[in-house]
Amino acid sequence: MKEIILIAAAGENNELGRESDLPWHLPDDFKRFKELTMGHPMIMGRKTFDTFPKPLPGRKHIILTRDPDYRADHPACRVVDSMDRALEAADGAETVYIIGGGEIYRQALPLATKIELTRVHGTFPADTFFPEIDRNDWDLTNSHRHPADAQHAHPFTYQTYERKS
């Protein structure tokens, strides 16, 4: 495995979501998520997977859960019980995306090589949070601001962080 990439959208205080829902609707961020993750395995927690109406096309879904009875009856899905097994289930893929939730990001952060973060400019009620990015460990290598507009109630910035050598 060459790259382990955390991909997330988080508010100014690292808010990810509340009651299994996003606090914003950002169509351009959804498009970017699709473009970046297409064709790559995605590791996620069970609660994150349960928010999808169905598995996202063109990507292997590796679902991490402590529930030994949890099943996901779809050929694109594999259920595992540890981060090590999740990475093994990626079957040697060059790039693996970690897509949430908060606990899965915390487990994967020490292993990650890159973070693709959409920083949503605002503060939001939340019960799930992205881990703090330690600037001693990460370099911000790209940043692109997207203004609020008719489809996006909040401005946001795409940020790419790469682990320092």
C-alpha atoms as a PDB file:
ATOM      1  CA  MET A   1       0.000   0.000   0.000  1.00  0.00           C
ATOM      2  CA  LYS A   2       1.476   3.294  -1.086  1.00  0.00           C
ATOM      3  CA  GLU A   3      -0.972   5.887   0.237  1.00  0.00           C
ATOM      4  CA  ILE A   4      -3.445   5.930   3.102  1.00  0.00           C
ATOM      5  CA  ILE A   5      -5.524   9.074   2.695  1.00  0.00           C
ATOM      6  CA  LEU A   6      -8.001  10.510   5.185  1.00  0.00           C
ATOM      7  CA  ILE A   7     -10.759  12.366   3.344  1.00  0.00           C
ATOM      8  CA  ALA A   8     -13.269  14.472   5.259  1.00  0.00           C
ATOM      9  CA  ALA A   9     -15.224  17.693   5.472  1.00  0.00           C
ATOM     10  CA  ALA A  10     -14.991  19.395   8.855  1.00  0.00           C
ATOM     11  CA  GLY A  11     -16.080  22.690  10.353  1.00  0.00           C
ATOM     12  CA  GLU A  12     -13.752  25.218  11.964  1.00  0.00           C
ATOM     13  CA  ASN A  13     -13.876  23.257  15.253  1.00  0.00           C
ATOM     14  CA  ASN A  14     -13.377  19.894  13.468  1.00  0.00           C
ATOM     15  CA  GLU A  15     -17.104  19.144  13.445  1.00  0.00           C
ATOM     16  CA  LEU A  16     -17.956  16.188  11.185  1.00  0.00           C
ATOM     17  CA  GLY A  17     -21.589  15.501  11.880  1.00  0.00           C
ATOM     18  CA  ARG A  18     -24.494  15.249  14.233  1.00  0.00           C
ATOM     19  CA  GLU A  19     -26.855  12.336  14.732  1.00  0.00           C
ATOM     20  CA  SER A  20     -25.358  10.531  11.710  1.00  0.00           C
ATOM     21  CA  ASP A  21     -25.931  13.461   9.364  1.00  0.00           C
ATOM     22  CA  LEU A  22     -23.773  16.191   7.846  1.00  0.00           C
ATOM     23  CA  PRO A  23     -24.409  19.733   9.119  1.00  0.00           C
ATOM     24  CA  TRP A  24     -24.063  21.151   5.560  1.00  0.00           C
ATOM     25  CA  HIS A  25     -24.849  20.357   1.944  1.00  0.00           C
ATOM     26  CA  LEU A  26     -21.883  20.951  -0.380  1.00  0.00           C
ATOM     27  CA  PRO A  27     -22.534  19.514  -3.875  1.00  0.00           C
ATOM     28  CA  ASP A  28     -19.077  20.471  -5.179  1.00  0.00           C
ATOM     29  CA  ASP A  29     -17.447  18.671  -2.251  1.00  0.00           C
ATOM     30  CA  PHE A  30     -19.513  15.541  -3.020  1.00  0.00           C
ATOM     31  CA  LYS A  31     -18.237  15.701  -6.622  1.00  0.00           C
ATOM     32  CA  ARG A  32     -14.649  16.041  -5.414  1.00  0.00           C
ATOM     33  CA  PHE A  33     -15.106  13.123  -3.007  1.00  0.00           C
ATOM     34  CA  LYS A  34     -16.374  10.974  -5.884  1.00  0.00           C
ATOM     35  CA  GLU A  35     -13.519  11.997  -8.198  1.00  0.00           C
ATOM     36  CA  LEU A  36     -10.841  11.282  -5.596  1.00  0.00           C
ATOM     37  CA  THR A  37     -12.212   7.991  -4.239  1.00  0.00           C
ATOM     38  CA  MET A  38     -13.487   6.416  -7.489  1.00  0.00           C
ATOM     39  CA  GLY A  39     -11.823   3.078  -8.129  1.00  0.00           C
ATOM     40  CA  HIS A  40     -10.154   2.935  -4.702  1.00  0.00           C
ATOM     41  CA  PRO A  41     -11.070   0.976  -1.577  1.00  0.00           C
ATOM     42  CA  MET A  42     -12.674   3.026   1.188  1.00  0.00           C
ATOM     43  CA  ILE A  43     -12.433   2.153   4.872  1.00  0.00           C
ATOM     44  CA  MET A  44     -15.273   3.377   7.052  1.00  0.00           C
ATOM     45  CA  GLY A  45     -17.011   2.688  10.318  1.00  0.00           C
ATOM     46  CA  ARG A  46     -20.358   0.947  10.454  1.00  0.00           C
ATOM     47  CA  LYS A  47     -22.223   4.129  11.384  1.00  0.00           C
ATOM     48  CA  THR A  48     -20.779   5.917   8.351  1.00  0.00           C
ATOM     49  CA  PHE A  49     -21.751   3.025   6.076  1.00  0.00           C
ATOM     50  CA  ASP A  50     -25.250   2.970   7.538  1.00  0.00           C
ATOM     51  CA  THR A  51     -25.787   6.576   6.381  1.00  0.00           C
ATOM     52  CA  PHE A  52     -25.505   5.496   2.718  1.00  0.00           C
ATOM     53  CA  PRO A  53     -28.764   4.533   0.981  1.00  0.00           C
ATOM     54  CA  LYS A  54     -26.696   1.892  -0.878  1.00  0.00           C
ATOM     55  CA  PRO A  55     -22.981   1.262  -1.502  1.00  0.00           C
ATOM     56  CA  LEU A  56     -21.321   3.927  -3.623  1.00  0.00           C
ATOM     57  CA  PRO A  57     -20.590   2.621  -7.131  1.00  0.00           C
ATOM     58  CA  GLY A  58     -17.059   1.938  -8.348  1.00  0.00           C
ATOM     59  CA  ARG A  59     -15.477   1.549  -4.912  1.00  0.00           C
ATOM     60  CA  LYS A  60     -14.849  -1.317  -2.516  1.00  0.00           C
ATOM     61  CA  HIS A  61     -16.390  -0.619   0.908  1.00  0.00           C
ATOM     62  CA  ILE A  62     -14.464  -1.952   3.897  1.00  0.00           C
ATOM     63  CA  ILE A  63     -16.633  -1.597   6.981  1.00  0.00           C
ATOM     64  CA  LEU A  64     -14.962  -1.596  10.375  1.00  0.00           C
ATOM     65  CA  THR A  65     -17.138  -2.609  13.334  1.00  0.00           C
ATOM     66  CA  ARG A  66     -16.898  -4.195  16.766  1.00  0.00           C
ATOM     67  CA  ASP A  67     -20.271  -5.905  16.195  1.00  0.00           C
ATOM     68  CA  PRO A  68     -19.498  -9.552  15.321  1.00  0.00           C
ATOM     69  CA  ASP A  69     -23.030 -10.026  13.942  1.00  0.00           C
ATOM     70  CA  TYR A  70     -22.985  -7.054  11.552  1.00  0.00           C
ATOM     71  CA  ARG A  71     -23.519  -8.013   7.893  1.00  0.00           C
ATOM     72  CA  ALA A  72     -23.480  -5.983   4.694  1.00  0.00           C
ATOM     73  CA  ASP A  73     -25.011  -8.080   1.938  1.00  0.00           C
ATOM     74  CA  HIS A  74     -23.465  -6.499  -1.130  1.00  0.00           C
ATOM     75  CA  PRO A  75     -20.541  -7.708  -3.254  1.00  0.00           C
ATOM     76  CA  ALA A  76     -18.773  -4.319  -2.921  1.00  0.00           C
ATOM     77  CA  CYS A  77     -18.706  -4.637   0.898  1.00  0.00           C
ATOM     78  CA  ARG A  78     -16.441  -6.418   3.315  1.00  0.00           C
ATOM     79  CA  VAL A  79     -16.899  -6.310   7.092  1.00  0.00           C
ATOM     80  CA  VAL A  80     -13.827  -6.447   9.373  1.00  0.00           C
ATOM     81  CA  ASP A  81     -13.109  -5.956  13.073  1.00  0.00           C
ATOM     82  CA  SER A  82      -9.794  -4.056  13.132  1.00  0.00           C
ATOM     83  CA  MET A  83      -7.850  -1.419  11.237  1.00  0.00           C
ATOM     84  CA  ASP A  84      -5.160  -3.988  10.417  1.00  0.00           C
ATOM     85  CA  ARG A  85      -7.770  -6.285   8.859  1.00  0.00           C
ATOM     86  CA  ALA A  86      -9.311  -3.326   7.024  1.00  0.00           C
ATOM     87  CA  LEU A  87      -5.967  -2.513   5.426  1.00  0.00           C
ATOM     88  CA  GLU A  88      -5.443  -6.189   4.547  1.00  0.00           C
ATOM     89  CA  ALA A  89      -8.911  -6.248   2.947  1.00  0.00           C
ATOM     90  CA  ALA A  90      -7.753  -3.482   0.576  1.00  0.00           C
ATOM     91  CA  ASP A  91      -5.907  -6.319  -1.222  1.00  0.00           C
ATOM     92  CA  GLY A  92      -2.682  -4.453  -1.876  1.00  0.00           C
ATOM     93  CA  ALA A  93      -4.318  -1.381  -3.431  1.00  0.00           C
ATOM     94  CA  GLU A  94      -1.900   1.486  -4.106  1.00  0.00           C
ATOM     95  CA  THR A  95      -4.288   4.004  -2.541  1.00  0.00           C
ATOM     96  CA  VAL A  96      -6.831   3.532   0.247  1.00  0.00           C
ATOM     97  CA  TYR A  97      -9.212   6.210   1.498  1.00  0.00           C
ATOM     98  CA  ILE A  98     -10.378   6.491   5.095  1.00  0.00           C
ATOM     99  CA  ILE A  99     -13.825   8.129   4.990  1.00  0.00           C
ATOM    100  CA  GLY A 100     -14.944   8.223   8.617  1.00  0.00           C
ATOM    101  CA  GLY A 101     -16.301   8.510  11.151  1.00  0.00           C
ATOM    102  CA  GLY A 102     -14.477  10.220  13.951  1.00  0.00           C
ATOM    103  CA  GLU A 103     -13.147   7.101  15.707  1.00  0.00           C
ATOM    104  CA  ILE A 104     -11.988   5.558  12.412  1.00  0.00           C
ATOM    105  CA  TYR A 105     -10.127   8.778  11.550  1.00  0.00           C
ATOM    106  CA  ARG A 106      -8.426   8.698  14.974  1.00  0.00           C
ATOM    107  CA  GLN A 107      -7.321   5.088  14.452  1.00  0.00           C
ATOM    108  CA  ALA A 108      -6.034   5.768  10.932  1.00  0.00           C
ATOM    109  CA  LEU A 109      -4.327   9.133  11.515  1.00  0.00           C
ATOM    110  CA  PRO A 110      -0.985   7.641  12.695  1.00  0.00           C
ATOM    111  CA  LEU A 111      -0.906   5.461   9.534  1.00  0.00           C
ATOM    112  CA  ALA A 112      -1.990   8.136   7.060  1.00  0.00           C
ATOM    113  CA  THR A 113       0.298   9.583   4.410  1.00  0.00           C
ATOM    114  CA  LYS A 114      -2.085  12.336   3.272  1.00  0.00           C
ATOM    115  CA  ILE A 115      -5.217  14.198   4.369  1.00  0.00           C
ATOM    116  CA  GLU A 116      -7.744  15.634   1.912  1.00  0.00           C
ATOM    117  CA  LEU A 117      -9.743  17.974   4.126  1.00  0.00           C
ATOM    118  CA  THR A 118     -12.593  20.237   3.143  1.00  0.00           C
ATOM    119  CA  ARG A 119     -12.565  22.916   5.840  1.00  0.00           C
ATOM    120  CA  VAL A 120     -16.102  24.293   6.072  1.00  0.00           C
ATOM    121  CA  HIS A 121     -15.966  27.887   7.297  1.00  0.00           C
ATOM    122  CA  GLY A 122     -18.375  28.059  10.186  1.00  0.00           C
ATOM    123  CA  THR A 123     -19.117  26.356  13.477  1.00  0.00           C
ATOM    124  CA  PHE A 124     -21.828  23.736  13.763  1.00  0.00           C
ATOM    125  CA  PRO A 125     -23.565  21.630  16.424  1.00  0.00           C
ATOM    126  CA  ALA A 126     -21.893  18.215  16.304  1.00  0.00           C
ATOM    127  CA  ASP A 127     -21.405  14.959  18.138  1.00  0.00           C
ATOM    128  CA  THR A 128     -18.623  13.605  15.889  1.00  0.00           C
ATOM    129  CA  PHE A 129     -15.279  15.310  15.301  1.00  0.00           C
ATOM    130  CA  PHE A 130     -12.207  15.019  13.072  1.00  0.00           C
ATOM    131  CA  PRO A 131      -8.950  14.620  15.010  1.00  0.00           C
ATOM    132  CA  GLU A 132      -6.706  17.641  15.468  1.00  0.00           C
ATOM    133  CA  ILE A 133      -4.032  17.970  12.763  1.00  0.00           C
ATOM    134  CA  ASP A 134      -0.625  18.420  14.412  1.00  0.00           C
ATOM    135  CA  ARG A 135       1.243  20.879  12.194  1.00  0.00           C
ATOM    136  CA  ASN A 136       4.519  19.380  13.461  1.00  0.00           C
ATOM    137  CA  ASP A 137       3.597  16.194  11.560  1.00  0.00           C
ATOM    138  CA  TRP A 138       1.843  17.620   8.497  1.00  0.00           C
ATOM    139  CA  ASP A 139       2.575  20.135   5.738  1.00  0.00           C
ATOM    140  CA  LEU A 140      -0.286  21.985   4.045  1.00  0.00           C
ATOM    141  CA  THR A 141       0.672  21.457   0.377  1.00  0.00           C
ATOM    142  CA  ASN A 142      -2.435  22.754  -1.382  1.00  0.00           C
ATOM    143  CA  SER A 143      -5.321  25.042  -0.512  1.00  0.00           C
ATOM    144  CA  HIS A 144      -8.204  26.236  -2.679  1.00  0.00           C
ATOM    145  CA  ARG A 145     -11.075  28.375  -1.344  1.00  0.00           C
ATOM    146  CA  HIS A 146     -14.645  27.918  -2.592  1.00  0.00           C
ATOM    147  CA  PRO A 147     -17.021  30.802  -1.850  1.00  0.00           C
ATOM    148  CA  ALA A 148     -20.583  30.441  -0.648  1.00  0.00           C
ATOM    149  CA  ASP A 149     -23.013  30.551  -3.579  1.00  0.00           C
ATOM    150  CA  ALA A 150     -26.556  29.538  -4.519  1.00  0.00           C
ATOM    151  CA  GLN A 151     -25.763  25.816  -3.968  1.00  0.00           C
ATOM    152  CA  HIS A 152     -23.379  26.202  -1.030  1.00  0.00           C
ATOM    153  CA  ALA A 153     -24.598  28.053   2.067  1.00  0.00           C
ATOM    154  CA  HIS A 154     -21.099  28.049   3.571  1.00  0.00           C
ATOM    155  CA  PRO A 155     -17.720  28.912   2.075  1.00  0.00           C
ATOM    156  CA  PHE A 156     -15.108  26.179   2.343  1.00  0.00           C
ATOM    157  CA  THR A 157     -11.502  25.456   1.487  1.00  0.00           C
ATOM    158  CA  TYR A 158     -10.061  22.273   0.014  1.00  0.00           C
ATOM    159  CA  GLN A 159      -6.848  21.536   1.925  1.00  0.00           C
ATOM    160  CA  THR A 160      -4.283  18.858   1.163  1.00  0.00           C
ATOM    161  CA  TYR A 161      -1.876  17.869   3.926  1.00  0.00           C
ATOM    162  CA  GLU A 162       1.091  15.549   3.432  1.00  0.00           C
ATOM    163  CA  ARG A 163       2.952  13.858   6.223  1.00  0.00           C
ATOM    164  CA  LYS A 164       6.370  15.379   6.894  1.00  0.00           C
ATOM    165  CA  SER A 165       9.290  13.046   6.215  1.00  0.00           C
END
